[in-house]
Amino acid sequence: MNILVITEKNEAPSELFIKRELDALKSSGHKLTVIALDNIPNHFSLNVMSKDFFKIIFYHSYSFSRAIKNSGKILHIFNQYSKPDLIYAHFASITSFLGHALSKLWNIPFAVSMHANDIFSPKKIGLTSSLNANGITVCSQVGFRALKKYTGTEQNVVMIHHGLDLTLFPYLNRKARKKQILFAGRLCKKKGLTDLLYAFADFQERNKEYKLIICGSGNLKFKLHKLTIDLGMFKNVEFRGFVSQYELMQAIGESEILCHPSIIEKNGDRDGIPNIILEAMALGTPVLGTTVGGIPEVIIDNYSGFLVEPNSPKELSTRMDDIIKYNNIEQVKLNARNIIVGNFDINDNIKLLENFLQEIINGIS
């Protein structure tokens, strides 16, 4: 297949799963042209637009201002790149809007991969263009069910999990680990970090030798630093900022618990299945999460990990106590690894994606 892939950013740290997927497609022999919109110029000029181009862009924009704002990017892609077999956009956003318009200009099929924010807190421009796609992939069952509410049908929608190259995520049977709890991800509201800090403050009153390691960056950084100081924990909480994949894997392997206390924001935004949870489960680090989004699809409480209700710091603290004393923790870790091997091997999941995209092409051609 010759696929034109449209993403918002060029290898954003929070979207490593996209790079893994695209690398796997390339390794399978497909030709991929990847366009990151933050690298595409947006020079708008009526002089170089044909009547047909102008008609398509404005008809499919759902907004005059949106058409004006992004027509330069569309024109640049249309003029600079050869016609592919398929356009594949990641996220129901400006990427799907551009993908939809380009599919009409080239008269080729168009697919969208939807994830979490774009399903649970969608923007009209992204959702509308995505629902006009020839096929949609989602990465969790909860996302699949939510999308079904918008469409009223399961037609052209398929659930395909993100995958891991399990040769890069070996099971680490480490019984002696540092006395630390790890969080890794964007420092944003839906990750539940305020709850985590309050929970750890309570936990540490009984377990003073433990540290909390926070890896990642985001718009809550300074607020979380201040709360840490206010709680008197600045010596026991370490903010490492953005770390490399190697550093992250090392931190996961050293930690007794990976904690991911996701919440649901007022606008409905929430996590799907956070990739950091999959990575920790693959590596053999126990995960403590919440019953939000797709997390319960992989964490079965007391079997493959541990769950609490969202927005419950006290319960989170109590479960931390439970985990560090849990008699059957080695079996929980093995169960978690087996779930990843059975459902999240990228070699298996990329074949599902290949087949789905090829079916779309065959159905249009």
Protein backbone atom coordinates (compact mmCIF):
# COMPACT_ATOMS: atom_id res chain seq x y z
CA MET A 1 0.00 0.00 0.00
CA ASN A 2 1.02 3.58 -0.68
CA ILE A 3 -0.31 5.56 2.29
CA LEU A 4 -0.25 9.29 3.01
CA VAL A 5 -0.30 9.67 6.80
CA ILE A 6 -1.33 12.97 8.40
CA THR A 7 -0.41 13.72 12.00
CA GLU A 8 -0.54 16.93 14.02
CA LYS A 9 3.04 16.90 15.29
CA ASN A 10 6.33 15.33 14.30
CA GLU A 11 6.99 12.47 16.76
CA ALA A 12 5.46 14.18 19.80
CA PRO A 13 6.65 12.52 23.05
CA SER A 14 3.07 11.85 24.14
CA GLU A 15 2.30 10.14 20.81
CA LEU A 16 5.07 7.54 20.67
CA PHE A 17 2.42 4.92 19.89
CA ILE A 18 1.94 6.55 16.47
CA LYS A 19 5.63 6.21 15.66
CA ARG A 20 5.55 2.54 16.70
CA GLU A 21 2.59 1.88 14.45
CA LEU A 22 4.08 3.66 11.44
CA ASP A 23 7.45 1.95 11.90
CA ALA A 24 5.67 -1.41 11.92
CA LEU A 25 3.78 -0.56 8.72
CA LYS A 26 7.05 0.42 7.03
CA SER A 27 8.69 -2.79 8.22
CA SER A 28 5.84 -4.72 6.59
CA GLY A 29 6.83 -3.24 3.23
CA HIS A 30 4.30 -0.46 2.82
CA LYS A 31 5.23 2.93 1.38
CA LEU A 32 4.43 5.68 3.87
CA THR A 33 4.63 9.41 3.38
CA VAL A 34 4.20 11.00 6.81
CA ILE A 35 3.13 14.64 7.00
CA ALA A 36 3.26 16.47 10.34
CA LEU A 37 1.08 19.56 10.11
CA ASP A 38 3.35 21.62 12.34
CA ASN A 39 5.93 21.37 9.51
CA ILE A 40 3.59 22.36 6.66
CA PRO A 41 3.37 26.01 5.50
CA ASN A 42 -0.05 27.62 5.30
CA HIS A 43 0.15 30.28 2.60
CA PHE A 44 -3.32 31.10 1.35
CA SER A 45 -3.72 32.48 -2.16
CA LEU A 46 -6.91 32.64 -4.22
CA ASN A 47 -4.84 33.13 -7.38
CA VAL A 48 -3.61 29.51 -7.51
CA MET A 49 -6.90 27.85 -6.62
CA SER A 50 -9.03 26.24 -9.29
CA LYS A 51 -12.80 26.47 -9.09
CA ASP A 52 -13.06 22.75 -8.24
CA PHE A 53 -10.46 23.05 -5.48
CA PHE A 54 -12.22 26.06 -3.97
CA LYS A 55 -15.61 24.30 -4.12
CA ILE A 56 -14.36 21.12 -2.42
CA ILE A 57 -12.45 22.89 0.34
CA PHE A 58 -15.31 25.15 1.31
CA TYR A 59 -17.99 22.50 0.94
CA HIS A 60 -16.15 20.12 3.26
CA SER A 61 -14.90 22.69 5.78
CA TYR A 62 -18.16 23.20 7.73
CA SER A 63 -16.77 26.64 8.54
CA PHE A 64 -15.75 29.54 6.28
CA SER A 65 -13.03 30.65 8.70
CA ARG A 66 -11.74 27.07 8.98
CA ALA A 67 -11.48 26.84 5.20
CA ILE A 68 -9.56 30.10 4.95
CA LYS A 69 -7.25 29.14 7.82
CA ASN A 70 -6.24 25.73 6.47
CA SER A 71 -6.64 25.84 2.70
CA GLY A 72 -2.98 26.79 2.31
CA LYS A 73 -1.89 23.57 4.03
CA ILE A 74 -4.24 21.53 1.84
CA LEU A 75 -2.98 23.19 -1.31
CA HIS A 76 0.64 22.63 -0.31
CA ILE A 77 0.07 18.90 0.27
CA PHE A 78 -1.99 18.55 -2.93
CA ASN A 79 0.72 20.17 -5.06
CA GLN A 80 3.82 18.67 -3.39
CA TYR A 81 2.85 15.02 -2.96
CA SER A 82 1.86 12.35 -5.45
CA LYS A 83 -1.53 10.68 -5.24
CA PRO A 84 -1.45 7.75 -2.74
CA ASP A 85 -3.72 4.72 -2.46
CA LEU A 86 -5.16 5.93 0.85
CA ILE A 87 -5.07 8.86 3.27
CA TYR A 88 -4.73 7.85 6.92
CA ALA A 89 -5.19 10.58 9.55
CA HIS A 90 -4.38 10.23 13.23
CA PHE A 91 -6.94 11.91 15.51
CA ALA A 92 -10.33 13.40 14.70
CA SER A 93 -9.07 16.95 14.48
CA ILE A 94 -7.59 19.27 11.88
CA THR A 95 -5.80 16.17 10.57
CA SER A 96 -9.07 14.41 9.69
CA PHE A 97 -10.47 17.64 8.22
CA LEU A 98 -7.49 17.94 5.89
CA GLY A 99 -7.55 14.23 5.13
CA HIS A 100 -11.22 14.39 4.18
CA ALA A 101 -10.70 17.37 1.87
CA LEU A 102 -7.68 15.76 0.19
CA SER A 103 -9.54 12.49 -0.31
CA LYS A 104 -12.20 14.40 -2.24
CA LEU A 105 -9.61 16.25 -4.33
CA TRP A 106 -7.77 13.04 -5.21
CA ASN A 107 -10.90 10.86 -5.25
CA ILE A 108 -9.27 8.23 -3.03
CA PRO A 109 -10.33 6.54 0.24
CA PHE A 110 -9.72 8.08 3.64
CA ALA A 111 -9.35 6.46 7.08
CA VAL A 112 -9.04 7.93 10.57
CA SER A 113 -7.51 6.58 13.77
CA MET A 114 -9.37 7.97 16.80
CA HIS A 115 -7.97 7.70 20.31
CA ALA A 116 -9.38 9.28 23.49
CA ASN A 117 -9.78 13.07 23.66
CA ASP A 118 -11.16 13.15 20.12
CA ILE A 119 -13.82 10.58 21.09
CA PHE A 120 -14.80 11.61 24.61
CA SER A 121 -14.48 15.38 24.13
CA PRO A 122 -14.75 15.80 20.35
CA LYS A 123 -14.58 19.01 18.38
CA LYS A 124 -17.22 19.35 15.68
CA ILE A 125 -14.77 19.86 12.82
CA GLY A 126 -12.84 16.69 13.64
CA LEU A 127 -15.82 14.51 14.47
CA THR A 128 -17.83 15.54 11.40
CA SER A 129 -14.97 14.93 8.98
CA SER A 130 -14.10 11.62 10.66
CA LEU A 131 -17.65 10.32 10.40
CA ASN A 132 -17.32 10.84 6.64
CA ALA A 133 -14.26 8.56 6.50
CA ASN A 134 -14.34 5.23 4.69
CA GLY A 135 -13.06 3.57 7.86
CA ILE A 136 -12.31 4.43 11.49
CA THR A 137 -10.04 2.64 13.96
CA VAL A 138 -10.27 3.04 17.72
CA CYS A 139 -7.87 1.62 20.31
CA SER A 140 -10.20 0.62 23.17
CA GLN A 141 -13.58 -1.02 23.68
CA VAL A 142 -14.82 1.98 25.64
CA GLY A 143 -13.87 4.20 22.70
CA PHE A 144 -15.64 1.83 20.31
CA ARG A 145 -18.84 2.01 22.37
CA ALA A 146 -18.66 5.80 22.65
CA LEU A 147 -18.16 6.21 18.91
CA LYS A 148 -21.09 3.90 18.23
CA LYS A 149 -23.32 6.42 20.06
CA TYR A 150 -22.33 9.09 17.53
CA THR A 151 -22.73 6.90 14.45
CA GLY A 152 -25.57 4.63 15.55
CA THR A 153 -23.77 1.79 13.79
CA GLU A 154 -20.62 -0.31 13.95
CA GLN A 155 -20.20 -0.19 10.18
CA ASN A 156 -16.70 0.90 9.06
CA VAL A 157 -15.47 1.09 12.68
CA VAL A 158 -12.97 -1.41 14.06
CA MET A 159 -11.18 -1.71 17.40
CA ILE A 160 -7.44 -2.34 17.06
CA HIS A 161 -5.22 -2.02 20.12
CA HIS A 162 -1.95 -0.15 20.06
CA GLY A 163 0.91 -2.59 20.18
CA LEU A 164 4.33 -3.02 21.71
CA ASP A 165 7.41 -4.65 20.24
CA LEU A 166 7.77 -7.19 23.02
CA THR A 167 11.42 -7.82 22.19
CA LEU A 168 12.01 -4.25 23.42
CA PHE A 169 9.85 -4.75 26.52
CA PRO A 170 11.15 -7.95 28.16
CA TYR A 171 9.65 -9.22 31.39
CA LEU A 172 11.87 -8.05 34.26
CA ASN A 173 11.56 -10.53 37.11
CA ARG A 174 12.98 -8.16 39.70
CA LYS A 175 11.97 -8.87 43.26
CA ALA A 176 14.30 -6.27 44.78
CA ARG A 177 13.21 -2.81 43.65
CA LYS A 178 13.70 0.69 44.90
CA LYS A 179 11.15 1.92 47.39
CA GLN A 180 9.52 4.27 44.93
CA ILE A 181 6.22 4.80 43.17
CA LEU A 182 6.28 6.05 39.59
CA PHE A 183 3.99 8.21 37.50
CA ALA A 184 4.83 8.89 33.85
CA GLY A 185 2.79 10.93 31.41
CA ARG A 186 1.62 14.42 30.57
CA LEU A 187 1.12 16.69 33.56
CA CYS A 188 -2.48 17.52 32.74
CA LYS A 189 -5.74 17.42 34.63
CA LYS A 190 -7.16 14.12 33.36
CA LYS A 191 -4.13 12.22 34.71
CA GLY A 192 -5.33 12.78 38.30
CA LEU A 193 -2.00 14.07 39.61
CA THR A 194 -3.50 16.19 42.36
CA ASP A 195 -5.12 13.03 43.75
CA LEU A 196 -1.78 11.25 43.46
CA LEU A 197 0.06 13.86 45.52
CA TYR A 198 -2.56 13.84 48.27
CA ALA A 199 -2.58 10.04 48.26
CA PHE A 200 1.20 9.82 48.45
CA ALA A 201 1.30 12.35 51.31
CA ASP A 202 -1.03 10.09 53.28
CA PHE A 203 0.84 6.92 52.25
CA GLN A 204 4.18 8.40 53.24
CA GLU A 205 3.07 9.07 56.78
CA ARG A 206 3.19 5.28 57.21
CA ASN A 207 6.02 4.60 54.74
CA LYS A 208 8.57 7.37 55.14
CA GLU A 209 11.28 5.56 53.16
CA TYR A 210 9.31 5.77 49.89
CA LYS A 211 9.72 8.34 47.14
CA LEU A 212 7.36 9.43 44.38
CA ILE A 213 8.94 9.84 40.93
CA ILE A 214 7.05 11.93 38.37
CA CYS A 215 8.24 11.79 34.75
CA GLY A 216 6.72 14.08 32.14
CA SER A 217 5.89 17.69 31.41
CA GLY A 218 2.73 19.69 30.93
CA ASN A 219 0.68 22.71 31.90
CA LEU A 220 0.21 21.63 35.54
CA LYS A 221 3.94 21.51 36.28
CA PHE A 222 4.14 24.61 38.49
CA LYS A 223 0.83 23.93 40.23
CA LEU A 224 2.02 20.43 41.14
CA HIS A 225 5.39 21.72 42.35
CA LYS A 226 3.59 24.18 44.61
CA LEU A 227 1.24 21.53 45.99
CA THR A 228 4.23 19.28 46.71
CA ILE A 229 5.84 22.06 48.76
CA ASP A 230 2.55 22.87 50.52
CA LEU A 231 2.22 19.21 51.53
CA GLY A 232 5.77 19.22 52.90
CA MET A 233 6.95 16.57 50.45
CA PHE A 234 9.56 18.41 48.36
CA LYS A 235 12.28 16.02 49.61
CA ASN A 236 10.28 12.92 48.78
CA VAL A 237 8.82 13.81 45.38
CA GLU A 238 11.13 14.01 42.38
CA PHE A 239 9.99 15.76 39.19
CA ARG A 240 12.22 14.48 36.39
CA GLY A 241 10.52 16.25 33.49
CA PHE A 242 10.64 14.68 30.04
CA VAL A 243 12.80 11.55 29.95
CA SER A 244 13.99 9.36 27.08
CA GLN A 245 12.40 5.98 26.39
CA TYR A 246 15.48 4.26 27.83
CA GLU A 247 15.31 6.35 31.02
CA LEU A 248 11.59 5.68 31.30
CA MET A 249 12.02 1.91 30.98
CA GLN A 250 14.74 2.04 33.61
CA ALA A 251 12.44 3.97 35.97
CA ILE A 252 9.60 1.48 35.40
CA GLY A 253 11.91 -1.47 36.13
CA GLU A 254 13.17 0.12 39.35
CA SER A 255 9.76 1.04 40.79
CA GLU A 256 7.51 -1.04 43.02
CA ILE A 257 4.35 0.48 41.56
CA LEU A 258 3.34 2.43 38.48
CA CYS A 259 0.43 4.64 39.53
CA HIS A 260 -1.91 6.16 36.94
CA PRO A 261 -4.91 7.71 38.75
CA SER A 262 -6.87 8.97 35.73
CA ILE A 263 -10.03 11.02 36.18
CA ILE A 264 -12.84 12.23 33.91
CA GLU A 265 -12.77 15.96 33.23
CA LYS A 266 -15.91 18.12 33.20
CA ASN A 267 -15.89 18.21 29.40
CA GLY A 268 -15.85 14.40 29.28
CA ASP A 269 -12.19 14.05 28.35
CA ARG A 270 -10.47 10.97 29.77
CA ASP A 271 -7.82 8.40 28.98
CA GLY A 272 -8.37 5.45 26.67
CA ILE A 273 -5.77 2.81 27.53
CA PRO A 274 -2.63 4.76 28.51
CA ASN A 275 0.40 3.28 26.79
CA ILE A 276 2.53 3.69 29.91
CA ILE A 277 0.25 1.14 31.61
CA LEU A 278 0.86 -1.36 28.81
CA GLU A 279 4.61 -0.79 29.05
CA ALA A 280 4.67 -1.33 32.81
CA MET A 281 2.56 -4.49 32.53
CA ALA A 282 4.90 -5.83 29.85
CA LEU A 283 7.99 -5.13 31.95
CA GLY A 284 6.58 -6.69 35.11
CA THR A 285 5.84 -3.63 37.26
CA PRO A 286 2.51 -3.70 39.15
CA VAL A 287 0.04 -1.04 38.02
CA LEU A 288 -2.39 0.88 40.21
CA GLY A 289 -5.02 2.64 38.11
CA THR A 290 -8.59 3.88 38.21
CA THR A 291 -11.82 2.59 36.67
CA VAL A 292 -11.68 5.31 34.00
CA GLY A 293 -11.78 4.88 30.22
CA GLY A 294 -10.20 1.72 28.90
CA ILE A 295 -8.02 1.02 31.93
CA PRO A 296 -10.33 -1.77 33.26
CA GLU A 297 -9.98 -3.50 29.87
CA VAL A 298 -6.41 -4.47 30.80
CA ILE A 299 -6.32 -4.19 34.60
CA ILE A 300 -8.50 -6.73 36.35
CA ASP A 301 -8.42 -5.85 40.03
CA ASN A 302 -6.19 -8.17 42.08
CA TYR A 303 -5.51 -10.27 38.97
CA SER A 304 -3.47 -8.20 36.49
CA GLY A 305 -3.16 -5.04 38.55
CA PHE A 306 -5.10 -2.94 41.01
CA LEU A 307 -8.01 -0.52 40.58
CA VAL A 308 -9.67 2.24 42.59
CA GLU A 309 -12.47 4.63 41.79
CA PRO A 310 -11.37 8.00 40.37
CA ASN A 311 -11.15 11.11 42.56
CA SER A 312 -10.42 9.06 45.68
CA PRO A 313 -6.98 9.90 47.16
CA LYS A 314 -7.66 8.03 50.40
CA GLU A 315 -8.53 4.81 48.58
CA LEU A 316 -5.50 5.29 46.36
CA SER A 317 -3.28 5.59 49.42
CA THR A 318 -4.77 2.46 50.99
CA ARG A 319 -4.18 0.44 47.82
CA MET A 320 -0.53 1.55 47.78
CA ASP A 321 -0.23 0.00 51.24
CA ASP A 322 -1.92 -3.16 49.99
CA ILE A 323 0.34 -3.56 46.97
CA ILE A 324 3.68 -3.28 48.77
CA LYS A 325 2.51 -6.04 51.15
CA TYR A 326 0.61 -8.16 48.60
CA ASN A 327 1.50 -11.85 49.02
CA ASN A 328 0.64 -12.88 45.46
CA ILE A 329 2.28 -9.97 43.67
CA GLU A 330 4.48 -12.16 41.43
CA GLN A 331 1.40 -13.90 40.01
CA VAL A 332 -0.27 -10.52 39.37
CA LYS A 333 2.81 -9.42 37.43
CA LEU A 334 2.80 -12.60 35.34
CA ASN A 335 -0.91 -12.27 34.63
CA ALA A 336 -0.34 -8.72 33.45
CA ARG A 337 2.48 -9.80 31.14
CA ASN A 338 0.29 -12.54 29.66
CA ILE A 339 -2.48 -10.04 28.86
CA ILE A 340 0.02 -7.88 26.99
CA VAL A 341 1.48 -10.85 25.07
CA GLY A 342 -1.99 -12.04 24.13
CA ASN A 343 -3.52 -8.71 23.11
CA PHE A 344 -0.88 -6.05 22.52
CA ASP A 345 1.88 -7.62 20.43
CA ILE A 346 2.48 -5.07 17.66
CA ASN A 347 3.28 -7.82 15.14
CA ASP A 348 -0.23 -9.22 15.56
CA ASN A 349 -2.05 -5.91 15.76
CA ILE A 350 -0.34 -4.35 12.75
CA LYS A 351 -1.66 -7.21 10.61
CA LEU A 352 -5.19 -6.31 11.71
CA LEU A 353 -4.57 -2.69 10.70
CA GLU A 354 -3.03 -3.71 7.35
CA ASN A 355 -6.03 -5.88 6.54
CA PHE A 356 -8.50 -3.15 7.49
CA LEU A 357 -6.79 -0.48 5.39
CA GLN A 358 -6.46 -2.85 2.42
CA GLU A 359 -10.18 -3.68 2.65
CA ILE A 360 -10.95 0.05 2.48
CA ILE A 361 -8.80 0.44 -0.64
CA ASN A 362 -10.31 -2.64 -2.28
CA GLY A 363 -13.81 -1.46 -1.48
CA ILE A 364 -13.30 1.88 -3.20
CA SER A 365 -11.20 0.84 -6.19
